[in-house]
Amino acid sequence: MNQYCVGVDVGGTTVKCGIFTLTGVLMDKWEVPTRKEEDGKYILPDVADALKKRLEEKGIELTDIEGIGIGVPGPVEPNGYVHVCVNLGWHDHWPAKEMQELMGGRIRCAVGNDANVAALGEMWQGGGKGHANLVMVTLGTGVGGGLIIDGQIIAGVHGAGAEIGHIQVRDGEQEACNCGGHGCLEQVASATGIVREAKRNLAASDEASTMRAFGDALSARDVCDCAKAGDPLAVKTIDTSMYYLGRALATISMVADPEIYVIGGGVSRAGQYLIDLVKKHYADYTPILTKKADIVLATLGNDAGIYGSAKLVLTN
């Protein structure tokens, strides 16, 4: 009788792995270095070898495993096809099929985009627990997203669903986003975007600011800390960033109408201060909604990916 499932979160530096009960209890977790040589051909074999060893150490048979879910940093089509994962060196790849073969063909495997599976993890055992319709937003170096409707990931026909960071929100932006567009949410609400906005504000004003002491080393965390302490330019910066995020979430609500937004990523460590700002601006742009989606912090941190990957195989 199957008692466990496995979650695998493939990152550019390490691969996080976890063994879970079918009810979502994390039994064990570990990491495997991501070997990207030769177009990443060693990544999944390394994971399979480590997993087999771990299962043997714990006395768990392959027949006890319900399945293995894999989160990868790139678009995943509904059939499991991955056209490209730039950070891994993968091209024209079928990760779930490869993992199934590496495990002897006896374990069912599923694959999904890492941001989408993180959203699934937060729905299963994190900040979105108890809700079947949610959007997760990750505010890190970029802005990622995941959309869950009726407990299922909505990835879109080409696997590009919930690319929240590339919603165009700001007219007149001269700098180009990494995607080639201008005025993307990622350009103003990510950690990188917050720092850019802060430096623009500092350059445009002679006003005293505690942010100036950090010079070129200024980080998003520094900006948030200065804003919490009442620094006017820092407050202006964070308010601008969260204004655009709140407006983007309002736009999403007019299409997907989720129950809850879960905010994660490094920037979210600013906590309730950030959430309150987003809620304020979100409310301003959703007057039509009598019942508004809640906006909360993610709770699983870096483990969201393995939780979601494990849940992925239980939902497919």
C-alpha atoms as a PDB file:
ATOM      1  CA  MET A   1       0.000   0.000   0.000  1.00  0.00           C
ATOM      2  CA  ASN A   2       1.385   3.410  -0.982  1.00  0.00           C
ATOM      3  CA  GLN A   3       2.267   5.516   2.040  1.00  0.00           C
ATOM      4  CA  TYR A   4       4.592   8.210   0.727  1.00  0.00           C
ATOM      5  CA  CYS A   5       5.198  10.668  -2.078  1.00  0.00           C
ATOM      6  CA  VAL A   6       8.340  12.528  -3.091  1.00  0.00           C
ATOM      7  CA  GLY A   7       8.819  16.180  -3.995  1.00  0.00           C
ATOM      8  CA  VAL A   8      11.785  17.376  -6.083  1.00  0.00           C
ATOM      9  CA  ASP A   9      12.481  21.088  -6.591  1.00  0.00           C
ATOM     10  CA  VAL A  10      15.163  21.603  -9.261  1.00  0.00           C
ATOM     11  CA  GLY A  11      17.098  24.840  -8.815  1.00  0.00           C
ATOM     12  CA  GLY A  12      20.099  26.284 -10.586  1.00  0.00           C
ATOM     13  CA  THR A  13      22.455  25.582  -7.668  1.00  0.00           C
ATOM     14  CA  THR A  14      20.868  22.732  -5.734  1.00  0.00           C
ATOM     15  CA  VAL A  15      18.016  20.279  -6.098  1.00  0.00           C
ATOM     16  CA  LYS A  16      15.834  20.074  -2.974  1.00  0.00           C
ATOM     17  CA  CYS A  17      14.178  16.740  -2.272  1.00  0.00           C
ATOM     18  CA  GLY A  18      11.622  15.645   0.303  1.00  0.00           C
ATOM     19  CA  ILE A  19       9.771  12.506   1.338  1.00  0.00           C
ATOM     20  CA  PHE A  20       6.198  13.119   2.536  1.00  0.00           C
ATOM     21  CA  THR A  21       3.308  11.135   3.885  1.00  0.00           C
ATOM     22  CA  LEU A  22       0.229  11.272   1.683  1.00  0.00           C
ATOM     23  CA  THR A  23      -1.325  13.689   4.185  1.00  0.00           C
ATOM     24  CA  GLY A  24       1.497  16.211   3.772  1.00  0.00           C
ATOM     25  CA  VAL A  25       3.826  15.501   6.684  1.00  0.00           C
ATOM     26  CA  LEU A  26       7.467  16.080   5.705  1.00  0.00           C
ATOM     27  CA  MET A  27       9.410  12.998   6.822  1.00  0.00           C
ATOM     28  CA  ASP A  28      12.858  13.846   5.466  1.00  0.00           C
ATOM     29  CA  LYS A  29      14.545  16.380   3.192  1.00  0.00           C
ATOM     30  CA  TRP A  30      17.974  16.817   1.632  1.00  0.00           C
ATOM     31  CA  GLU A  31      19.750  18.577  -1.215  1.00  0.00           C
ATOM     32  CA  VAL A  32      21.734  17.430  -4.233  1.00  0.00           C
ATOM     33  CA  PRO A  33      24.139  19.734  -6.124  1.00  0.00           C
ATOM     34  CA  THR A  34      22.813  20.743  -9.543  1.00  0.00           C
ATOM     35  CA  ARG A  35      25.380  19.516 -12.058  1.00  0.00           C
ATOM     36  CA  LYS A  36      24.664  21.523 -15.200  1.00  0.00           C
ATOM     37  CA  GLU A  37      27.547  20.204 -17.290  1.00  0.00           C
ATOM     38  CA  GLU A  38      26.741  18.758 -20.715  1.00  0.00           C
ATOM     39  CA  ASP A  39      23.329  20.425 -20.911  1.00  0.00           C
ATOM     40  CA  GLY A  40      22.270  19.256 -17.481  1.00  0.00           C
ATOM     41  CA  LYS A  41      22.236  15.569 -18.333  1.00  0.00           C
ATOM     42  CA  TYR A  42      23.452  14.560 -14.850  1.00  0.00           C
ATOM     43  CA  ILE A  43      20.766  16.405 -12.868  1.00  0.00           C
ATOM     44  CA  LEU A  44      17.983  13.841 -12.733  1.00  0.00           C
ATOM     45  CA  PRO A  45      20.290  10.787 -12.576  1.00  0.00           C
ATOM     46  CA  ASP A  46      21.944  12.358  -9.518  1.00  0.00           C
ATOM     47  CA  VAL A  47      18.525  12.902  -7.935  1.00  0.00           C
ATOM     48  CA  ALA A  48      17.417   9.340  -8.696  1.00  0.00           C
ATOM     49  CA  ASP A  49      20.597   7.878  -7.204  1.00  0.00           C
ATOM     50  CA  ALA A  50      20.260   9.990  -4.054  1.00  0.00           C
ATOM     51  CA  LEU A  51      16.594   9.092  -3.693  1.00  0.00           C
ATOM     52  CA  LYS A  52      17.200   5.359  -4.049  1.00  0.00           C
ATOM     53  CA  LYS A  53      19.918   5.569  -1.396  1.00  0.00           C
ATOM     54  CA  ARG A  54      17.672   7.545   0.959  1.00  0.00           C
ATOM     55  CA  LEU A  55      14.776   5.140   0.570  1.00  0.00           C
ATOM     56  CA  GLU A  56      17.048   2.183   1.237  1.00  0.00           C
ATOM     57  CA  GLU A  57      18.417   3.844   4.400  1.00  0.00           C
ATOM     58  CA  LYS A  58      14.883   4.372   5.665  1.00  0.00           C
ATOM     59  CA  GLY A  59      13.653   0.918   4.740  1.00  0.00           C
ATOM     60  CA  ILE A  60      11.102   2.284   2.282  1.00  0.00           C
ATOM     61  CA  GLU A  61      10.309   0.149  -0.745  1.00  0.00           C
ATOM     62  CA  LEU A  62       9.613   1.625  -4.175  1.00  0.00           C
ATOM     63  CA  THR A  63       6.160   0.055  -3.936  1.00  0.00           C
ATOM     64  CA  ASP A  64       5.487   2.296  -0.926  1.00  0.00           C
ATOM     65  CA  ILE A  65       5.853   5.424  -3.099  1.00  0.00           C
ATOM     66  CA  GLU A  66       2.728   6.892  -4.682  1.00  0.00           C
ATOM     67  CA  GLY A  67       4.763   9.034  -7.045  1.00  0.00           C
ATOM     68  CA  ILE A  68       7.455  11.655  -7.593  1.00  0.00           C
ATOM     69  CA  GLY A  69       6.664  15.257  -8.431  1.00  0.00           C
ATOM     70  CA  ILE A  70       9.253  17.549 -10.015  1.00  0.00           C
ATOM     71  CA  GLY A  71       9.310  21.345 -10.116  1.00  0.00           C
ATOM     72  CA  VAL A  72      11.535  22.911 -12.780  1.00  0.00           C
ATOM     73  CA  PRO A  73      12.546  26.544 -13.501  1.00  0.00           C
ATOM     74  CA  GLY A  74      10.864  26.989 -16.855  1.00  0.00           C
ATOM     75  CA  PRO A  75       7.550  26.659 -18.719  1.00  0.00           C
ATOM     76  CA  VAL A  76       6.036  23.181 -18.712  1.00  0.00           C
ATOM     77  CA  GLU A  77       3.399  22.245 -21.259  1.00  0.00           C
ATOM     78  CA  PRO A  78       0.359  20.228 -20.082  1.00  0.00           C
ATOM     79  CA  ASN A  79       1.830  17.031 -21.565  1.00  0.00           C
ATOM     80  CA  GLY A  80       5.018  17.437 -19.497  1.00  0.00           C
ATOM     81  CA  TYR A  81       7.202  18.733 -22.320  1.00  0.00           C
ATOM     82  CA  VAL A  82       9.860  21.312 -21.426  1.00  0.00           C
ATOM     83  CA  HIS A  83      11.091  23.282 -24.423  1.00  0.00           C
ATOM     84  CA  VAL A  84      13.862  25.000 -22.483  1.00  0.00           C
ATOM     85  CA  CYS A  85      15.158  25.551 -18.938  1.00  0.00           C
ATOM     86  CA  VAL A  86      17.880  28.123 -19.504  1.00  0.00           C
ATOM     87  CA  ASN A  87      19.320  27.889 -15.988  1.00  0.00           C
ATOM     88  CA  LEU A  88      19.709  24.109 -16.274  1.00  0.00           C
ATOM     89  CA  GLY A  89      20.866  23.758 -19.864  1.00  0.00           C
ATOM     90  CA  TRP A  90      17.814  21.667 -20.778  1.00  0.00           C
ATOM     91  CA  HIS A  91      16.328  21.774 -24.269  1.00  0.00           C
ATOM     92  CA  ASP A  92      13.517  19.605 -25.665  1.00  0.00           C
ATOM     93  CA  HIS A  93      13.231  17.656 -22.443  1.00  0.00           C
ATOM     94  CA  TRP A  94      10.705  15.313 -20.797  1.00  0.00           C
ATOM     95  CA  PRO A  95      11.718  15.354 -17.084  1.00  0.00           C
ATOM     96  CA  ALA A  96       8.903  13.165 -15.753  1.00  0.00           C
ATOM     97  CA  LYS A  97       9.515  10.461 -18.350  1.00  0.00           C
ATOM     98  CA  GLU A  98      13.241  10.487 -17.643  1.00  0.00           C
ATOM     99  CA  MET A  99      12.738  10.238 -13.881  1.00  0.00           C
ATOM    100  CA  GLN A 100      10.280   7.391 -14.314  1.00  0.00           C
ATOM    101  CA  GLU A 101      12.813   5.477 -16.403  1.00  0.00           C
ATOM    102  CA  LEU A 102      15.584   6.180 -13.869  1.00  0.00           C
ATOM    103  CA  MET A 103      13.387   4.726 -11.130  1.00  0.00           C
ATOM    104  CA  GLY A 104      12.849   1.526 -13.083  1.00  0.00           C
ATOM    105  CA  GLY A 105       9.571   2.506 -14.680  1.00  0.00           C
ATOM    106  CA  ARG A 106       7.624   1.551 -11.574  1.00  0.00           C
ATOM    107  CA  ILE A 107       6.833   4.957 -10.071  1.00  0.00           C
ATOM    108  CA  ARG A 108       4.455   7.511 -11.520  1.00  0.00           C
ATOM    109  CA  CYS A 109       6.064  10.940 -12.061  1.00  0.00           C
ATOM    110  CA  ALA A 110       4.719  14.407 -12.791  1.00  0.00           C
ATOM    111  CA  VAL A 111       6.390  17.720 -13.636  1.00  0.00           C
ATOM    112  CA  GLY A 112       5.389  21.364 -13.269  1.00  0.00           C
ATOM    113  CA  ASN A 113       6.849  24.864 -13.327  1.00  0.00           C
ATOM    114  CA  ASP A 114       8.579  25.680 -10.031  1.00  0.00           C
ATOM    115  CA  ALA A 115       6.483  28.790  -9.306  1.00  0.00           C
ATOM    116  CA  ASN A 116       3.270  26.884  -9.972  1.00  0.00           C
ATOM    117  CA  VAL A 117       4.223  23.984  -7.730  1.00  0.00           C
ATOM    118  CA  ALA A 118       5.266  26.411  -4.978  1.00  0.00           C
ATOM    119  CA  ALA A 119       1.731  27.803  -5.156  1.00  0.00           C
ATOM    120  CA  LEU A 120       0.384  24.271  -4.890  1.00  0.00           C
ATOM    121  CA  GLY A 121       2.569  23.689  -1.830  1.00  0.00           C
ATOM    122  CA  GLU A 122       1.294  26.829  -0.102  1.00  0.00           C
ATOM    123  CA  MET A 123      -2.260  25.711  -0.869  1.00  0.00           C
ATOM    124  CA  TRP A 124      -1.627  22.229   0.545  1.00  0.00           C
ATOM    125  CA  GLN A 125       0.235  22.978   3.762  1.00  0.00           C
ATOM    126  CA  GLY A 126       1.147  26.696   3.787  1.00  0.00           C
ATOM    127  CA  GLY A 127      -0.369  30.153   3.867  1.00  0.00           C
ATOM    128  CA  GLY A 128      -3.181  29.147   1.533  1.00  0.00           C
ATOM    129  CA  LYS A 129      -4.196  25.981   3.379  1.00  0.00           C
ATOM    130  CA  GLY A 130      -7.947  25.513   3.325  1.00  0.00           C
ATOM    131  CA  HIS A 131      -8.388  27.333   0.011  1.00  0.00           C
ATOM    132  CA  ALA A 132      -8.729  25.653  -3.378  1.00  0.00           C
ATOM    133  CA  ASN A 133      -8.517  28.864  -5.422  1.00  0.00           C
ATOM    134  CA  LEU A 134      -5.423  30.982  -4.905  1.00  0.00           C
ATOM    135  CA  VAL A 135      -2.673  32.981  -6.520  1.00  0.00           C
ATOM    136  CA  MET A 136       0.849  32.914  -5.183  1.00  0.00           C
ATOM    137  CA  VAL A 137       3.216  35.790  -5.862  1.00  0.00           C
ATOM    138  CA  THR A 138       6.945  35.411  -5.191  1.00  0.00           C
ATOM    139  CA  LEU A 139       8.867  38.640  -4.768  1.00  0.00           C
ATOM    140  CA  GLY A 140      12.515  37.777  -5.228  1.00  0.00           C
ATOM    141  CA  THR A 141      15.122  38.784  -7.788  1.00  0.00           C
ATOM    142  CA  GLY A 142      12.156  38.725 -10.152  1.00  0.00           C
ATOM    143  CA  VAL A 143       8.415  38.343  -9.636  1.00  0.00           C
ATOM    144  CA  GLY A 144       6.998  34.859 -10.080  1.00  0.00           C
ATOM    145  CA  GLY A 145       3.488  33.558  -9.810  1.00  0.00           C
ATOM    146  CA  GLY A 146       1.284  30.512  -9.620  1.00  0.00           C
ATOM    147  CA  LEU A 147      -2.457  30.156 -10.207  1.00  0.00           C
ATOM    148  CA  ILE A 148      -4.518  27.400  -8.589  1.00  0.00           C
ATOM    149  CA  ILE A 149      -8.203  26.951  -9.497  1.00  0.00           C
ATOM    150  CA  ASP A 150     -10.288  24.211  -7.869  1.00  0.00           C
ATOM    151  CA  GLY A 151      -7.081  22.698  -6.502  1.00  0.00           C
ATOM    152  CA  GLN A 152      -5.451  22.404  -9.928  1.00  0.00           C
ATOM    153  CA  ILE A 153      -2.541  24.340 -11.418  1.00  0.00           C
ATOM    154  CA  ILE A 154      -3.583  26.513 -14.345  1.00  0.00           C
ATOM    155  CA  ALA A 155      -0.447  26.597 -16.477  1.00  0.00           C
ATOM    156  CA  GLY A 156      -1.942  27.670 -19.807  1.00  0.00           C
ATOM    157  CA  VAL A 157      -1.622  26.081 -23.223  1.00  0.00           C
ATOM    158  CA  HIS A 158       2.076  26.935 -23.542  1.00  0.00           C
ATOM    159  CA  GLY A 159       3.001  26.641 -19.865  1.00  0.00           C
ATOM    160  CA  ALA A 160       3.281  30.413 -19.469  1.00  0.00           C
ATOM    161  CA  GLY A 161       0.199  30.926 -17.291  1.00  0.00           C
ATOM    162  CA  ALA A 162       0.529  33.140 -14.193  1.00  0.00           C
ATOM    163  CA  GLU A 163       3.628  34.965 -15.444  1.00  0.00           C
ATOM    164  CA  ILE A 164       2.577  37.735 -13.084  1.00  0.00           C
ATOM    165  CA  GLY A 165       5.928  39.484 -13.182  1.00  0.00           C
ATOM    166  CA  HIS A 166       5.458  40.389 -16.820  1.00  0.00           C
ATOM    167  CA  ILE A 167       2.094  42.063 -16.545  1.00  0.00           C
ATOM    168  CA  GLN A 168       2.646  45.551 -17.939  1.00  0.00           C
ATOM    169  CA  VAL A 169       1.786  48.041 -15.194  1.00  0.00           C
ATOM    170  CA  ARG A 170       3.864  51.156 -15.758  1.00  0.00           C
ATOM    171  CA  ASP A 171       3.632  53.396 -18.793  1.00  0.00           C
ATOM    172  CA  GLY A 172       6.664  55.433 -19.821  1.00  0.00           C
ATOM    173  CA  GLU A 173       9.306  53.062 -18.436  1.00  0.00           C
ATOM    174  CA  GLN A 174      12.456  53.512 -20.503  1.00  0.00           C
ATOM    175  CA  GLU A 175      14.511  50.603 -19.196  1.00  0.00           C
ATOM    176  CA  ALA A 176      13.814  47.193 -20.678  1.00  0.00           C
ATOM    177  CA  CYS A 177      12.761  44.215 -18.589  1.00  0.00           C
ATOM    178  CA  ASN A 178      14.655  40.924 -18.957  1.00  0.00           C
ATOM    179  CA  CYS A 179      11.722  39.714 -21.046  1.00  0.00           C
ATOM    180  CA  GLY A 180      12.248  42.554 -23.523  1.00  0.00           C
ATOM    181  CA  GLY A 181       9.163  44.494 -22.442  1.00  0.00           C
ATOM    182  CA  HIS A 182       8.933  47.836 -20.670  1.00  0.00           C
ATOM    183  CA  GLY A 183       7.044  48.609 -17.476  1.00  0.00           C
ATOM    184  CA  CYS A 184       6.622  45.035 -16.225  1.00  0.00           C
ATOM    185  CA  LEU A 185       5.582  44.451 -12.616  1.00  0.00           C
ATOM    186  CA  GLU A 186       8.930  42.715 -12.084  1.00  0.00           C
ATOM    187  CA  GLN A 187      10.705  45.991 -12.842  1.00  0.00           C
ATOM    188  CA  VAL A 188       9.164  47.739  -9.851  1.00  0.00           C
ATOM    189  CA  ALA A 189       7.988  45.135  -7.299  1.00  0.00           C
ATOM    190  CA  SER A 190      10.876  42.659  -7.268  1.00  0.00           C
ATOM    191  CA  ALA A 191      13.886  43.037  -4.974  1.00  0.00           C
ATOM    192  CA  THR A 192      15.824  44.331  -7.973  1.00  0.00           C
ATOM    193  CA  GLY A 193      12.995  46.686  -8.887  1.00  0.00           C
ATOM    194  CA  ILE A 194      12.688  48.105  -5.372  1.00  0.00           C
ATOM    195  CA  VAL A 195      16.396  48.933  -5.324  1.00  0.00           C
ATOM    196  CA  ARG A 196      16.159  50.539  -8.766  1.00  0.00           C
ATOM    197  CA  GLU A 197      13.189  52.618  -7.636  1.00  0.00           C
ATOM    198  CA  ALA A 198      14.993  53.683  -4.453  1.00  0.00           C
ATOM    199  CA  LYS A 199      18.104  54.762  -6.354  1.00  0.00           C
ATOM    200  CA  ARG A 200      15.972  56.757  -8.771  1.00  0.00           C
ATOM    201  CA  ASN A 201      14.282  58.533  -5.862  1.00  0.00           C
ATOM    202  CA  LEU A 202      17.624  59.248  -4.216  1.00  0.00           C
ATOM    203  CA  ALA A 203      19.082  60.628  -7.450  1.00  0.00           C
ATOM    204  CA  ALA A 204      16.074  62.865  -8.054  1.00  0.00           C
ATOM    205  CA  SER A 205      16.140  64.450  -4.581  1.00  0.00           C
ATOM    206  CA  ASP A 206      18.546  66.194  -2.243  1.00  0.00           C
ATOM    207  CA  GLU A 207      16.440  65.096   0.709  1.00  0.00           C
ATOM    208  CA  ALA A 208      18.284  63.444   3.594  1.00  0.00           C
ATOM    209  CA  SER A 209      17.747  59.693   3.701  1.00  0.00           C
ATOM    210  CA  THR A 210      19.154  56.837   5.754  1.00  0.00           C
ATOM    211  CA  MET A 211      19.299  54.862   2.513  1.00  0.00           C
ATOM    212  CA  ARG A 212      22.205  56.983   1.261  1.00  0.00           C
ATOM    213  CA  ALA A 213      24.578  55.385   3.769  1.00  0.00           C
ATOM    214  CA  PHE A 214      24.350  52.041   1.927  1.00  0.00           C
ATOM    215  CA  GLY A 215      25.632  53.438  -1.368  1.00  0.00           C
ATOM    216  CA  ASP A 216      25.750  50.932  -4.225  1.00  0.00           C
ATOM    217  CA  ALA A 217      25.291  48.076  -1.730  1.00  0.00           C
ATOM    218  CA  LEU A 218      21.691  49.154  -1.026  1.00  0.00           C
ATOM    219  CA  SER A 219      19.375  46.115  -0.924  1.00  0.00           C
ATOM    220  CA  ALA A 220      15.610  45.686  -0.958  1.00  0.00           C
ATOM    221  CA  ARG A 221      15.791  44.643   2.672  1.00  0.00           C
ATOM    222  CA  ASP A 222      17.603  47.911   3.496  1.00  0.00           C
ATOM    223  CA  VAL A 223      14.896  49.896   1.718  1.00  0.00           C
ATOM    224  CA  CYS A 224      12.145  48.042   3.607  1.00  0.00           C
ATOM    225  CA  ASP A 225      13.904  48.525   6.952  1.00  0.00           C
ATOM    226  CA  CYS A 226      14.371  52.243   6.288  1.00  0.00           C
ATOM    227  CA  ALA A 227      10.721  52.555   5.289  1.00  0.00           C
ATOM    228  CA  LYS A 228       9.575  50.839   8.472  1.00  0.00           C
ATOM    229  CA  ALA A 229      11.704  53.329  10.413  1.00  0.00           C
ATOM    230  CA  GLY A 230       9.900  56.196   8.705  1.00  0.00           C
ATOM    231  CA  ASP A 231      12.448  57.372   6.138  1.00  0.00           C
ATOM    232  CA  PRO A 232      10.320  59.458   3.689  1.00  0.00           C
ATOM    233  CA  LEU A 233      12.124  58.424   0.484  1.00  0.00           C
ATOM    234  CA  ALA A 234      12.087  54.774   1.512  1.00  0.00           C
ATOM    235  CA  VAL A 235       8.391  55.008   2.361  1.00  0.00           C
ATOM    236  CA  LYS A 236       7.751  56.551  -1.054  1.00  0.00           C
ATOM    237  CA  THR A 237       9.719  53.767  -2.739  1.00  0.00           C
ATOM    238  CA  ILE A 238       7.953  50.870  -1.035  1.00  0.00           C
ATOM    239  CA  ASP A 239       4.551  52.491  -1.430  1.00  0.00           C
ATOM    240  CA  THR A 240       5.146  52.876  -5.173  1.00  0.00           C
ATOM    241  CA  SER A 241       6.229  49.244  -5.526  1.00  0.00           C
ATOM    242  CA  MET A 242       3.263  47.935  -3.560  1.00  0.00           C
ATOM    243  CA  TYR A 243       0.902  50.269  -5.433  1.00  0.00           C
ATOM    244  CA  TYR A 244       1.790  48.547  -8.678  1.00  0.00           C
ATOM    245  CA  LEU A 245       1.576  45.114  -7.069  1.00  0.00           C
ATOM    246  CA  GLY A 246      -1.848  45.888  -5.599  1.00  0.00           C
ATOM    247  CA  ARG A 247      -3.045  47.139  -8.967  1.00  0.00           C
ATOM    248  CA  ALA A 248      -1.763  43.998 -10.696  1.00  0.00           C
ATOM    249  CA  LEU A 249      -3.535  41.760  -8.175  1.00  0.00           C
ATOM    250  CA  ALA A 250      -6.747  43.714  -8.751  1.00  0.00           C
ATOM    251  CA  THR A 251      -6.406  43.013 -12.477  1.00  0.00           C
ATOM    252  CA  ILE A 252      -5.894  39.315 -11.781  1.00  0.00           C
ATOM    253  CA  SER A 253      -9.011  39.264  -9.581  1.00  0.00           C
ATOM    254  CA  MET A 254     -11.099  40.567 -12.475  1.00  0.00           C
ATOM    255  CA  VAL A 255     -10.066  37.470 -14.449  1.00  0.00           C
ATOM    256  CA  ALA A 256      -9.480  34.627 -11.964  1.00  0.00           C
ATOM    257  CA  ASP A 257     -11.351  35.822  -8.824  1.00  0.00           C
ATOM    258  CA  PRO A 258      -9.207  33.813  -6.335  1.00  0.00           C
ATOM    259  CA  GLU A 259     -10.084  33.377  -2.668  1.00  0.00           C
ATOM    260  CA  ILE A 260      -6.632  34.381  -1.481  1.00  0.00           C
ATOM    261  CA  TYR A 261      -3.262  35.766  -2.550  1.00  0.00           C
ATOM    262  CA  VAL A 262      -0.176  34.290  -0.896  1.00  0.00           C
ATOM    263  CA  ILE A 263       2.898  36.514  -0.996  1.00  0.00           C
ATOM    264  CA  GLY A 264       6.303  34.851  -0.691  1.00  0.00           C
ATOM    265  CA  GLY A 265       9.922  35.365  -1.727  1.00  0.00           C
ATOM    266  CA  GLY A 266      12.698  37.298  -0.045  1.00  0.00           C
ATOM    267  CA  VAL A 267      10.939  40.677  -0.170  1.00  0.00           C
ATOM    268  CA  SER A 268       7.986  39.227   1.764  1.00  0.00           C
ATOM    269  CA  ARG A 269      10.206  39.051   4.850  1.00  0.00           C
ATOM    270  CA  ALA A 270       9.196  42.690   5.373  1.00  0.00           C
ATOM    271  CA  GLY A 271       6.071  41.059   6.781  1.00  0.00           C
ATOM    272  CA  GLN A 272       2.727  42.613   7.598  1.00  0.00           C
ATOM    273  CA  TYR A 273       3.987  46.108   6.796  1.00  0.00           C
ATOM    274  CA  LEU A 274       4.193  45.071   3.153  1.00  0.00           C
ATOM    275  CA  ILE A 275       0.896  43.162   3.197  1.00  0.00           C
ATOM    276  CA  ASP A 276      -0.997  46.146   4.596  1.00  0.00           C
ATOM    277  CA  LEU A 277       0.270  48.376   1.770  1.00  0.00           C
ATOM    278  CA  VAL A 278      -0.690  45.850  -0.898  1.00  0.00           C
ATOM    279  CA  LYS A 279      -4.158  45.436   0.641  1.00  0.00           C
ATOM    280  CA  LYS A 280      -4.707  49.189   0.617  1.00  0.00           C
ATOM    281  CA  HIS A 281      -3.898  49.601  -3.059  1.00  0.00           C
ATOM    282  CA  TYR A 282      -5.692  46.366  -3.998  1.00  0.00           C
ATOM    283  CA  ALA A 283      -8.847  47.647  -2.312  1.00  0.00           C
ATOM    284  CA  ASP A 284      -8.641  50.938  -4.231  1.00  0.00           C
ATOM    285  CA  TYR A 285      -8.744  49.039  -7.529  1.00  0.00           C
ATOM    286  CA  THR A 286     -11.457  46.497  -6.650  1.00  0.00           C
ATOM    287  CA  PRO A 287     -14.503  48.628  -5.764  1.00  0.00           C
ATOM    288  CA  ILE A 288     -16.737  46.180  -7.621  1.00  0.00           C
ATOM    289  CA  LEU A 289     -15.803  43.322  -5.277  1.00  0.00           C
ATOM    290  CA  THR A 290     -17.931  43.198  -2.142  1.00  0.00           C
ATOM    291  CA  LYS A 291     -15.994  40.153  -0.960  1.00  0.00           C
ATOM    292  CA  LYS A 292     -12.331  40.756  -1.651  1.00  0.00           C
ATOM    293  CA  ALA A 293      -9.618  38.100  -1.790  1.00  0.00           C
ATOM    294  CA  ASP A 294      -7.488  37.958   1.322  1.00  0.00           C
ATOM    295  CA  ILE A 295      -3.775  38.749   0.991  1.00  0.00           C
ATOM    296  CA  VAL A 296      -1.452  36.832   3.313  1.00  0.00           C
ATOM    297  CA  LEU A 297       2.180  35.866   3.749  1.00  0.00           C
ATOM    298  CA  ALA A 298       3.548  32.525   2.572  1.00  0.00           C
ATOM    299  CA  THR A 299       4.657  30.228   5.390  1.00  0.00           C
ATOM    300  CA  LEU A 300       6.673  27.392   3.806  1.00  0.00           C
ATOM    301  CA  GLY A 301       9.692  29.443   2.755  1.00  0.00           C
ATOM    302  CA  ASN A 302      12.182  27.546   0.602  1.00  0.00           C
ATOM    303  CA  ASP A 303      10.313  24.289   1.203  1.00  0.00           C
ATOM    304  CA  ALA A 304       7.254  25.393  -0.786  1.00  0.00           C
ATOM    305  CA  GLY A 305       8.680  23.800  -3.930  1.00  0.00           C
ATOM    306  CA  ILE A 306       9.121  20.324  -2.487  1.00  0.00           C
ATOM    307  CA  TYR A 307       5.693  20.442  -0.820  1.00  0.00           C
ATOM    308  CA  GLY A 308       4.087  21.483  -4.082  1.00  0.00           C
ATOM    309  CA  SER A 309       5.983  18.954  -6.163  1.00  0.00           C
ATOM    310  CA  ALA A 310       4.862  16.185  -3.838  1.00  0.00           C
ATOM    311  CA  LYS A 311       1.262  17.392  -4.005  1.00  0.00           C
ATOM    312  CA  LEU A 312       1.516  17.616  -7.796  1.00  0.00           C
ATOM    313  CA  VAL A 313       1.783  13.874  -8.143  1.00  0.00           C
ATOM    314  CA  LEU A 314      -1.249  13.424  -5.888  1.00  0.00           C
ATOM    315  CA  THR A 315      -3.407  15.704  -8.039  1.00  0.00           C
ATOM    316  CA  ASN A 316      -2.527  14.221 -11.429  1.00  0.00           C
END
